[in-house]
């Protein structure tokens, strides 16, 4: 029989003793662990949800990896690169890549009778993954994306629609500057309106078919601004990028243009640097909460040891060593921490699930890019968080438990 564990169980379950094993101290220590863990669970779930929500919006506009002309990726101008069937097949064979889609960019001006707005037209073809746009569609429908014919349809953002006072189904003129042909004009029909609340994209990007964007640029039919690659696992994006660097980058197409590539982190470094800073906030919160839990547990353990001085003296008089008695009180603390963790998990998961289902807490999308606090539950991470909290809380109690070695049986008999 494990004697320290047996005594610890009896102490933890004891209810009849007149002192009740310092129940207020136990409850305070338990509450400190529970509240600390609940705060950490909520913080981790909210930060994960927020990071992935923003990241997915940025990826929705630019994918995880872009392959384009070297000058396109180095400047704000769009230079053509050959994106024929052979290159598309090569890109689809890149390890970890699940989808490849072409795109072409063209700067232009949308003009109504009373106002005008400079925008970037993004032309996409039939293979374009419309999941992201469908999810953020406010009204209307998507244009008929094609690489072989023009639909003269346009998908604009809500910001553009509000500025130009446009609605779905309306006609609008667009003007484009061509260095050789002068000014080109096209009339489009507004097929739909989207809103992602990611202002830097919503203010500038509207969608049309690839055929129109290529013709407006004066490019050949097998040319485009580049290709967007979607990967299966974002955490393995560097492996796919390394393959592209070795087999695609620095090769030259038949028009003499050089292929190059960049990941979404390289294309939008400011946003991803900002998201990485959120991790620091989580670490600070976790450190503070674990410190609070540790301090309350130390205080509770010291109170319990002092209150049980007479019992410690009796155990020593009966031959128990300091080591056995320390283990007894560490087991006792283990039970307190374990119950605190259970309560903390119930509170933390309850708050997270409530927010996930009902979206009670709202945000200002103009500031946070989303209109409700997002949460994401990562079971593996939260299990590790529980284990780390338990181990750290028990570890910090080892030194205070040595107070037992200073208690002498003869003196403890007179302690009340």
Foldseek 3Di string as FASTA:
>chain_A
DQVLLVLLVCLLPDDPDPCSLVVVLLVLLLQLLLVLLLVLLQLVFLLVFLLVLVVVLLCLVFNFKWKFFPVVLVDVDFDKAFADPVNLVVLCPQPQFDAKWFKAKAWWKWDDPVDIATAIEIATAPRDDCPSQVVFWDDFDDFHAHLPDFPLAKEAEPVVCVVRVDDAQDKIKMWHQDPPPGIDIGIHGYRTYGYQLPVVRRRHYMYTYRNVRCVSNVHDSRMHSTMHTHGPDSVCSVSSQVVCCVPAAQDADPVGTTMDMDGSCSSCVVVVVVSVVSVVVSVVSSVVSLVSSLVSLQVSLLVSCLVCLQVLLVCVVVPDDLVSNLSSSLSSSLVSSVSSNVSSCCSNVVVLVCCQVPQPAFDDSNPSSGTGRTTDDDPVVSVVSSVVSSVSSSVSNNVSSCVSVVRHNVVSNPRD
